[in-house]
Amino acid sequence: MVVPRERLRLEPGGKSDLPLGSIFKYRLKMTDAIVRTVKRGRPRIDATSIHLTLPPIDLAALDAWIGRQTPPLSRPEAIRIILREKLS
């Protein structure tokens, strides 16, 4: 099926069936229509995130302590264990 060029409105001055503003409003309405049902990322827990900066000497000591543990721990898990031991 061949569609005439004037029907496609490819020429300058070709009129669209919709006003120009409705094209932009369509995008806004469609973003409201999309509902994300699956949450992404780590599951939420009741915890507060803190950020810690360690000098190289303390980081080396932490890594040495982690190396002596079996099984090896991640840095965040090692810091949590050390905190629990020192605070209890």
PDB file of N, CA and C in Angstrom:
ATOM      1  N   MET A   1       0.838  -1.168   0.000  1.00  0.00           N
ATOM      2  CA  MET A   1       0.000   0.000   0.000  1.00  0.00           C
ATOM      3  C   MET A   1       0.893   1.244   0.000  1.00  0.00           C
ATOM      4  N   VAL A   2       0.711   2.105  -0.944  1.00  0.00           N
ATOM      5  CA  VAL A   2       1.482   3.324  -1.066  1.00  0.00           C
ATOM      6  C   VAL A   2       0.642   4.480  -0.550  1.00  0.00           C
ATOM      7  N   VAL A   3       1.229   5.257   0.368  1.00  0.00           N
ATOM      8  CA  VAL A   3       0.537   6.407   0.943  1.00  0.00           C
ATOM      9  C   VAL A   3       1.076   7.658   0.274  1.00  0.00           C
ATOM     10  N   PRO A   4       0.203   8.514  -0.241  1.00  0.00           N
ATOM     11  CA  PRO A   4       0.698   9.749  -0.885  1.00  0.00           C
ATOM     12  C   PRO A   4       1.456  10.618   0.107  1.00  0.00           C
ATOM     13  N   ARG A   5       2.452  11.348  -0.405  1.00  0.00           N
ATOM     14  CA  ARG A   5       3.291  12.190   0.460  1.00  0.00           C
ATOM     15  C   ARG A   5       2.481  13.245   1.200  1.00  0.00           C
ATOM     16  N   GLU A   6       1.466  13.796   0.547  1.00  0.00           N
ATOM     17  CA  GLU A   6       0.681  14.813   1.228  1.00  0.00           C
ATOM     18  C   GLU A   6      -0.100  14.220   2.396  1.00  0.00           C
ATOM     19  N   ARG A   7      -0.385  12.952   2.350  1.00  0.00           N
ATOM     20  CA  ARG A   7      -1.084  12.295   3.461  1.00  0.00           C
ATOM     21  C   ARG A   7      -0.140  12.091   4.655  1.00  0.00           C
ATOM     22  N   LEU A   8       1.152  11.858   4.356  1.00  0.00           N
ATOM     23  CA  LEU A   8       2.143  11.677   5.423  1.00  0.00           C
ATOM     24  C   LEU A   8       2.538  13.005   6.059  1.00  0.00           C
ATOM     25  N   ARG A   9       2.244  14.099   5.407  1.00  0.00           N
ATOM     26  CA  ARG A   9       2.555  15.445   5.899  1.00  0.00           C
ATOM     27  C   ARG A   9       4.065  15.638   6.106  1.00  0.00           C
ATOM     28  N   LEU A  10       4.833  15.194   5.106  1.00  0.00           N
ATOM     29  CA  LEU A  10       6.280  15.324   5.184  1.00  0.00           C
ATOM     30  C   LEU A  10       6.774  16.637   4.575  1.00  0.00           C
ATOM     31  N   GLU A  11       5.947  17.305   3.854  1.00  0.00           N
ATOM     32  CA  GLU A  11       6.334  18.545   3.209  1.00  0.00           C
ATOM     33  C   GLU A  11       6.218  19.711   4.191  1.00  0.00           C
ATOM     34  N   PRO A  12       6.981  20.789   3.967  1.00  0.00           N
ATOM     35  CA  PRO A  12       6.841  21.966   4.822  1.00  0.00           C
ATOM     36  C   PRO A  12       5.413  22.497   4.749  1.00  0.00           C
ATOM     37  N   GLY A  13       4.907  22.899   5.896  1.00  0.00           N
ATOM     38  CA  GLY A  13       3.557  23.439   5.950  1.00  0.00           C
ATOM     39  C   GLY A  13       2.490  22.367   6.092  1.00  0.00           C
ATOM     40  N   GLY A  14       2.882  21.105   6.153  1.00  0.00           N
ATOM     41  CA  GLY A  14       1.896  20.029   6.327  1.00  0.00           C
ATOM     42  C   GLY A  14       1.279  20.128   7.704  1.00  0.00           C
ATOM     43  N   LYS A  15      -0.019  20.035   7.768  1.00  0.00           N
ATOM     44  CA  LYS A  15      -0.736  20.171   9.035  1.00  0.00           C
ATOM     45  C   LYS A  15      -0.881  18.811   9.704  1.00  0.00           C
ATOM     46  N   SER A  16      -0.759  18.810  11.022  1.00  0.00           N
ATOM     47  CA  SER A  16      -0.971  17.599  11.808  1.00  0.00           C
ATOM     48  C   SER A  16      -2.411  17.584  12.285  1.00  0.00           C
ATOM     49  N   ASP A  17      -2.932  16.378  12.542  1.00  0.00           N
ATOM     50  CA  ASP A  17      -4.290  16.251  13.046  1.00  0.00           C
ATOM     51  C   ASP A  17      -4.384  16.701  14.504  1.00  0.00           C
ATOM     52  N   LEU A  18      -3.275  16.670  15.224  1.00  0.00           N
ATOM     53  CA  LEU A  18      -3.278  17.035  16.635  1.00  0.00           C
ATOM     54  C   LEU A  18      -2.581  18.378  16.823  1.00  0.00           C
ATOM     55  N   PRO A  19      -3.030  19.180  17.765  1.00  0.00           N
ATOM     56  CA  PRO A  19      -2.278  20.397  18.062  1.00  0.00           C
ATOM     57  C   PRO A  19      -0.902  20.052  18.623  1.00  0.00           C
ATOM     58  N   LEU A  20       0.063  20.922  18.434  1.00  0.00           N
ATOM     59  CA  LEU A  20       1.441  20.649  18.832  1.00  0.00           C
ATOM     60  C   LEU A  20       1.562  20.347  20.319  1.00  0.00           C
ATOM     61  N   GLY A  21       0.835  21.041  21.165  1.00  0.00           N
ATOM     62  CA  GLY A  21       0.930  20.834  22.603  1.00  0.00           C
ATOM     63  C   GLY A  21       0.498  19.460  23.042  1.00  0.00           C
ATOM     64  N   SER A  22      -0.409  18.827  22.314  1.00  0.00           N
ATOM     65  CA  SER A  22      -0.902  17.512  22.746  1.00  0.00           C
ATOM     66  C   SER A  22       0.170  16.441  22.603  1.00  0.00           C
ATOM     67  N   ILE A  23       1.122  16.635  21.705  1.00  0.00           N
ATOM     68  CA  ILE A  23       2.207  15.674  21.559  1.00  0.00           C
ATOM     69  C   ILE A  23       3.037  15.637  22.842  1.00  0.00           C
ATOM     70  N   PHE A  24       3.297  16.809  23.409  1.00  0.00           N
ATOM     71  CA  PHE A  24       4.089  16.866  24.631  1.00  0.00           C
ATOM     72  C   PHE A  24       3.288  16.405  25.832  1.00  0.00           C
ATOM     73  N   LYS A  25       1.998  16.708  25.856  1.00  0.00           N
ATOM     74  CA  LYS A  25       1.151  16.261  26.961  1.00  0.00           C
ATOM     75  C   LYS A  25       0.999  14.748  26.962  1.00  0.00           C
ATOM     76  N   TYR A  26       1.038  14.132  25.777  1.00  0.00           N
ATOM     77  CA  TYR A  26       0.936  12.681  25.676  1.00  0.00           C
ATOM     78  C   TYR A  26       2.058  12.010  26.469  1.00  0.00           C
ATOM     79  N   ARG A  27       3.269  12.524  26.331  1.00  0.00           N
ATOM     80  CA  ARG A  27       4.409  11.948  27.050  1.00  0.00           C
ATOM     81  C   ARG A  27       4.218  12.066  28.561  1.00  0.00           C
ATOM     82  N   LEU A  28       3.723  13.201  29.031  1.00  0.00           N
ATOM     83  CA  LEU A  28       3.499  13.380  30.462  1.00  0.00           C
ATOM     84  C   LEU A  28       2.431  12.433  30.981  1.00  0.00           C
ATOM     85  N   LYS A  29       1.372  12.248  30.222  1.00  0.00           N
ATOM     86  CA  LYS A  29       0.304  11.348  30.649  1.00  0.00           C
ATOM     87  C   LYS A  29       0.779   9.894  30.665  1.00  0.00           C
ATOM     88  N   MET A  30       1.603   9.525  29.703  1.00  0.00           N
ATOM     89  CA  MET A  30       2.062   8.145  29.631  1.00  0.00           C
ATOM     90  C   MET A  30       3.029   7.813  30.770  1.00  0.00           C
ATOM     91  N   THR A  31       3.795   8.777  31.246  1.00  0.00           N
ATOM     92  CA  THR A  31       4.689   8.484  32.371  1.00  0.00           C
ATOM     93  C   THR A  31       3.878   8.200  33.632  1.00  0.00           C
ATOM     94  N   ASP A  32       2.702   8.811  33.756  1.00  0.00           N
ATOM     95  CA  ASP A  32       1.834   8.509  34.897  1.00  0.00           C
ATOM     96  C   ASP A  32       1.201   7.128  34.759  1.00  0.00           C
ATOM     97  N   ALA A  33       1.013   6.673  33.523  1.00  0.00           N
ATOM     98  CA  ALA A  33       0.347   5.402  33.296  1.00  0.00           C
ATOM     99  C   ALA A  33       1.276   4.215  33.565  1.00  0.00           C
ATOM    100  N   ILE A  34       2.575   4.427  33.493  1.00  0.00           N
ATOM    101  CA  ILE A  34       3.522   3.336  33.703  1.00  0.00           C
ATOM    102  C   ILE A  34       3.695   3.132  35.201  1.00  0.00           C
ATOM    103  N   VAL A  35       3.422   1.926  35.646  1.00  0.00           N
ATOM    104  CA  VAL A  35       3.531   1.601  37.070  1.00  0.00           C
ATOM    105  C   VAL A  35       4.603   0.532  37.214  1.00  0.00           C
ATOM    106  N   ARG A  36       5.597   0.818  38.027  1.00  0.00           N
ATOM    107  CA  ARG A  36       6.661  -0.160  38.256  1.00  0.00           C
ATOM    108  C   ARG A  36       6.272  -0.998  39.461  1.00  0.00           C
ATOM    109  N   THR A  37       6.103  -2.297  39.243  1.00  0.00           N
ATOM    110  CA  THR A  37       5.674  -3.172  40.324  1.00  0.00           C
ATOM    111  C   THR A  37       6.848  -3.848  41.014  1.00  0.00           C
ATOM    112  N   VAL A  38       7.960  -3.987  40.330  1.00  0.00           N
ATOM    113  CA  VAL A  38       9.117  -4.670  40.901  1.00  0.00           C
ATOM    114  C   VAL A  38      10.098  -3.626  41.408  1.00  0.00           C
ATOM    115  N   LYS A  39      10.439  -3.717  42.675  1.00  0.00           N
ATOM    116  CA  LYS A  39      11.429  -2.802  43.243  1.00  0.00           C
ATOM    117  C   LYS A  39      12.811  -3.304  42.856  1.00  0.00           C
ATOM    118  N   ARG A  40      13.693  -2.369  42.526  1.00  0.00           N
ATOM    119  CA  ARG A  40      15.059  -2.734  42.162  1.00  0.00           C
ATOM    120  C   ARG A  40      16.005  -2.379  43.293  1.00  0.00           C
ATOM    121  N   GLY A  41      17.141  -3.032  43.304  1.00  0.00           N
ATOM    122  CA  GLY A  41      18.162  -2.721  44.293  1.00  0.00           C
ATOM    123  C   GLY A  41      18.060  -3.609  45.517  1.00  0.00           C
ATOM    124  N   ARG A  42      18.848  -3.266  46.513  1.00  0.00           N
ATOM    125  CA  ARG A  42      18.870  -4.039  47.749  1.00  0.00           C
ATOM    126  C   ARG A  42      17.564  -3.850  48.499  1.00  0.00           C
ATOM    127  N   PRO A  43      17.125  -4.900  49.200  1.00  0.00           N
ATOM    128  CA  PRO A  43      15.910  -4.727  49.996  1.00  0.00           C
ATOM    129  C   PRO A  43      16.138  -3.730  51.122  1.00  0.00           C
ATOM    130  N   ARG A  44      15.114  -2.978  51.429  1.00  0.00           N
ATOM    131  CA  ARG A  44      15.218  -1.958  52.465  1.00  0.00           C
ATOM    132  C   ARG A  44      15.209  -2.609  53.840  1.00  0.00           C
ATOM    133  N   ILE A  45      16.107  -2.156  54.686  1.00  0.00           N
ATOM    134  CA  ILE A  45      16.159  -2.630  56.065  1.00  0.00           C
ATOM    135  C   ILE A  45      16.114  -1.418  56.979  1.00  0.00           C
ATOM    136  N   ASP A  46      15.793  -1.662  58.222  1.00  0.00           N
ATOM    137  CA  ASP A  46      15.760  -0.560  59.176  1.00  0.00           C
ATOM    138  C   ASP A  46      17.164  -0.308  59.702  1.00  0.00           C
ATOM    139  N   ALA A  47      17.941   0.413  58.923  1.00  0.00           N
ATOM    140  CA  ALA A  47      19.317   0.724  59.303  1.00  0.00           C
ATOM    141  C   ALA A  47      19.669   2.098  58.757  1.00  0.00           C
ATOM    142  N   THR A  48      20.643   2.719  59.380  1.00  0.00           N
ATOM    143  CA  THR A  48      21.129   4.016  58.934  1.00  0.00           C
ATOM    144  C   THR A  48      22.487   3.818  58.284  1.00  0.00           C
ATOM    145  N   SER A  49      22.642   4.363  57.114  1.00  0.00           N
ATOM    146  CA  SER A  49      23.903   4.258  56.399  1.00  0.00           C
ATOM    147  C   SER A  49      24.856   5.330  56.907  1.00  0.00           C
ATOM    148  N   ILE A  50      26.086   4.903  57.229  1.00  0.00           N
ATOM    149  CA  ILE A  50      27.122   5.867  57.591  1.00  0.00           C
ATOM    150  C   ILE A  50      28.288   5.672  56.628  1.00  0.00           C
ATOM    151  N   HIS A  51      29.000   6.720  56.395  1.00  0.00           N
ATOM    152  CA  HIS A  51      30.150   6.655  55.500  1.00  0.00           C
ATOM    153  C   HIS A  51      31.395   6.906  56.330  1.00  0.00           C
ATOM    154  N   LEU A  52      32.384   6.063  56.139  1.00  0.00           N
ATOM    155  CA  LEU A  52      33.566   6.072  56.976  1.00  0.00           C
ATOM    156  C   LEU A  52      34.807   6.266  56.116  1.00  0.00           C
ATOM    157  N   THR A  53      35.644   7.183  56.503  1.00  0.00           N
ATOM    158  CA  THR A  53      36.926   7.389  55.838  1.00  0.00           C
ATOM    159  C   THR A  53      38.023   6.985  56.809  1.00  0.00           C
ATOM    160  N   LEU A  54      38.891   6.073  56.363  1.00  0.00           N
ATOM    161  CA  LEU A  54      39.979   5.589  57.218  1.00  0.00           C
ATOM    162  C   LEU A  54      41.317   5.992  56.634  1.00  0.00           C
ATOM    163  N   PRO A  55      42.257   6.359  57.506  1.00  0.00           N
ATOM    164  CA  PRO A  55      43.616   6.596  57.019  1.00  0.00           C
ATOM    165  C   PRO A  55      44.234   5.264  56.569  1.00  0.00           C
ATOM    166  N   PRO A  56      45.231   5.315  55.714  1.00  0.00           N
ATOM    167  CA  PRO A  56      45.817   4.084  55.171  1.00  0.00           C
ATOM    168  C   PRO A  56      46.304   3.102  56.248  1.00  0.00           C
ATOM    169  N   ILE A  57      46.844   3.598  57.354  1.00  0.00           N
ATOM    170  CA  ILE A  57      47.364   2.701  58.385  1.00  0.00           C
ATOM    171  C   ILE A  57      46.214   1.922  59.053  1.00  0.00           C
ATOM    172  N   ASP A  58      45.086   2.595  59.288  1.00  0.00           N
ATOM    173  CA  ASP A  58      43.937   1.911  59.891  1.00  0.00           C
ATOM    174  C   ASP A  58      43.295   0.942  58.905  1.00  0.00           C
ATOM    175  N   LEU A  59      43.262   1.310  57.648  1.00  0.00           N
ATOM    176  CA  LEU A  59      42.710   0.421  56.632  1.00  0.00           C
ATOM    177  C   LEU A  59      43.575  -0.830  56.485  1.00  0.00           C
ATOM    178  N   ALA A  60      44.895  -0.665  56.572  1.00  0.00           N
ATOM    179  CA  ALA A  60      45.789  -1.829  56.503  1.00  0.00           C
ATOM    180  C   ALA A  60      45.579  -2.740  57.705  1.00  0.00           C
ATOM    181  N   ALA A  61      45.375  -2.156  58.883  1.00  0.00           N
ATOM    182  CA  ALA A  61      45.111  -2.967  60.078  1.00  0.00           C
ATOM    183  C   ALA A  61      43.787  -3.705  59.951  1.00  0.00           C
ATOM    184  N   LEU A  62      42.782  -3.036  59.413  1.00  0.00           N
ATOM    185  CA  LEU A  62      41.484  -3.693  59.205  1.00  0.00           C
ATOM    186  C   LEU A  62      41.619  -4.836  58.219  1.00  0.00           C
ATOM    187  N   ASP A  63      42.323  -4.617  57.118  1.00  0.00           N
ATOM    188  CA  ASP A  63      42.517  -5.679  56.124  1.00  0.00           C
ATOM    189  C   ASP A  63      43.311  -6.846  56.701  1.00  0.00           C
ATOM    190  N   ALA A  64      44.286  -6.556  57.566  1.00  0.00           N
ATOM    191  CA  ALA A  64      45.048  -7.634  58.207  1.00  0.00           C
ATOM    192  C   ALA A  64      44.142  -8.442  59.127  1.00  0.00           C
ATOM    193  N   TRP A  65      43.265  -7.767  59.879  1.00  0.00           N
ATOM    194  CA  TRP A  65      42.319  -8.465  60.762  1.00  0.00           C
ATOM    195  C   TRP A  65      41.358  -9.316  59.950  1.00  0.00           C
ATOM    196  N   ILE A  66      40.887  -8.791  58.808  1.00  0.00           N
ATOM    197  CA  ILE A  66      39.993  -9.550  57.933  1.00  0.00           C
ATOM    198  C   ILE A  66      40.700 -10.788  57.400  1.00  0.00           C
ATOM    199  N   GLY A  67      41.992 -10.654  57.072  1.00  0.00           N
ATOM    200  CA  GLY A  67      42.753 -11.787  56.540  1.00  0.00           C
ATOM    201  C   GLY A  67      42.909 -12.915  57.543  1.00  0.00           C
ATOM    202  N   ARG A  68      42.865 -12.607  58.836  1.00  0.00           N
ATOM    203  CA  ARG A  68      42.992 -13.651  59.859  1.00  0.00           C
ATOM    204  C   ARG A  68      41.667 -14.355  60.153  1.00  0.00           C
ATOM    205  N   GLN A  69      40.569 -13.852  59.637  1.00  0.00           N
ATOM    206  CA  GLN A  69      39.260 -14.441  59.900  1.00  0.00           C
ATOM    207  C   GLN A  69      38.963 -15.557  58.906  1.00  0.00           C
ATOM    208  N   THR A  70      38.246 -16.551  59.371  1.00  0.00           N
ATOM    209  CA  THR A  70      37.787 -17.612  58.465  1.00  0.00           C
ATOM    210  C   THR A  70      36.291 -17.749  58.611  1.00  0.00           C
ATOM    211  N   PRO A  71      35.521 -17.699  57.607  1.00  0.00           N
ATOM    212  CA  PRO A  71      35.869 -17.326  56.233  1.00  0.00           C
ATOM    213  C   PRO A  71      36.142 -15.825  56.154  1.00  0.00           C
ATOM    214  N   PRO A  72      36.851 -15.378  55.114  1.00  0.00           N
ATOM    215  CA  PRO A  72      37.147 -13.955  54.977  1.00  0.00           C
ATOM    216  C   PRO A  72      35.856 -13.132  54.914  1.00  0.00           C
ATOM    217  N   LEU A  73      35.887 -11.972  55.527  1.00  0.00           N
ATOM    218  CA  LEU A  73      34.721 -11.100  55.599  1.00  0.00           C
ATOM    219  C   LEU A  73      34.881  -9.924  54.645  1.00  0.00           C
ATOM    220  N   SER A  74      33.780  -9.281  54.360  1.00  0.00           N
ATOM    221  CA  SER A  74      33.858  -8.021  53.629  1.00  0.00           C
ATOM    222  C   SER A  74      34.208  -6.926  54.640  1.00  0.00           C
ATOM    223  N   ARG A  75      34.671  -5.791  54.170  1.00  0.00           N
ATOM    224  CA  ARG A  75      35.008  -4.693  55.079  1.00  0.00           C
ATOM    225  C   ARG A  75      33.807  -4.226  55.897  1.00  0.00           C
ATOM    226  N   PRO A  76      32.631  -4.012  55.274  1.00  0.00           N
ATOM    227  CA  PRO A  76      31.492  -3.585  56.089  1.00  0.00           C
ATOM    228  C   PRO A  76      31.110  -4.601  57.167  1.00  0.00           C
ATOM    229  N   GLU A  77      31.143  -5.895  56.811  1.00  0.00           N
ATOM    230  CA  GLU A  77      30.798  -6.926  57.802  1.00  0.00           C
ATOM    231  C   GLU A  77      31.841  -6.969  58.918  1.00  0.00           C
ATOM    232  N   ALA A  78      33.101  -6.805  58.567  1.00  0.00           N
ATOM    233  CA  ALA A  78      34.157  -6.797  59.580  1.00  0.00           C
ATOM    234  C   ALA A  78      33.987  -5.615  60.536  1.00  0.00           C
ATOM    235  N   ILE A  79      33.659  -4.452  60.011  1.00  0.00           N
ATOM    236  CA  ILE A  79      33.458  -3.281  60.863  1.00  0.00           C
ATOM    237  C   ILE A  79      32.268  -3.491  61.781  1.00  0.00           C
ATOM    238  N   ARG A  80      31.183  -4.111  61.269  1.00  0.00           N
ATOM    239  CA  ARG A  80      30.020  -4.396  62.120  1.00  0.00           C
ATOM    240  C   ARG A  80      30.376  -5.355  63.254  1.00  0.00           C
ATOM    241  N   ILE A  81      31.163  -6.392  62.949  1.00  0.00           N
ATOM    242  CA  ILE A  81      31.555  -7.366  63.977  1.00  0.00           C
ATOM    243  C   ILE A  81      32.429  -6.697  65.039  1.00  0.00           C
ATOM    244  N   ILE A  82      33.395  -5.906  64.613  1.00  0.00           N
ATOM    245  CA  ILE A  82      34.275  -5.216  65.556  1.00  0.00           C
ATOM    246  C   ILE A  82      33.465  -4.273  66.458  1.00  0.00           C
ATOM    247  N   LEU A  83      32.520  -3.544  65.872  1.00  0.00           N
ATOM    248  CA  LEU A  83      31.677  -2.651  66.652  1.00  0.00           C
ATOM    249  C   LEU A  83      30.857  -3.414  67.696  1.00  0.00           C
ATOM    250  N   ARG A  84      30.258  -4.531  67.259  1.00  0.00           N
ATOM    251  CA  ARG A  84      29.457  -5.331  68.207  1.00  0.00           C
ATOM    252  C   ARG A  84      30.312  -5.841  69.366  1.00  0.00           C
ATOM    253  N   GLU A  85      31.546  -6.303  69.053  1.00  0.00           N
ATOM    254  CA  GLU A  85      32.424  -6.809  70.107  1.00  0.00           C
ATOM    255  C   GLU A  85      32.837  -5.708  71.074  1.00  0.00           C
ATOM    256  N   LYS A  86      33.157  -4.544  70.556  1.00  0.00           N
ATOM    257  CA  LYS A  86      33.636  -3.452  71.409  1.00  0.00           C
ATOM    258  C   LYS A  86      32.530  -2.792  72.214  1.00  0.00           C
ATOM    259  N   LEU A  87      31.324  -2.778  71.667  1.00  0.00           N
ATOM    260  CA  LEU A  87      30.214  -2.105  72.351  1.00  0.00           C
ATOM    261  C   LEU A  87      29.465  -3.005  73.332  1.00  0.00           C
ATOM    262  N   SER A  88      29.695  -4.307  73.255  1.00  0.00           N
ATOM    263  CA  SER A  88      28.977  -5.196  74.191  1.00  0.00           C
ATOM    264  C   SER A  88      29.822  -5.583  75.384  1.00  0.00           C
TER     265      SER A  88
END
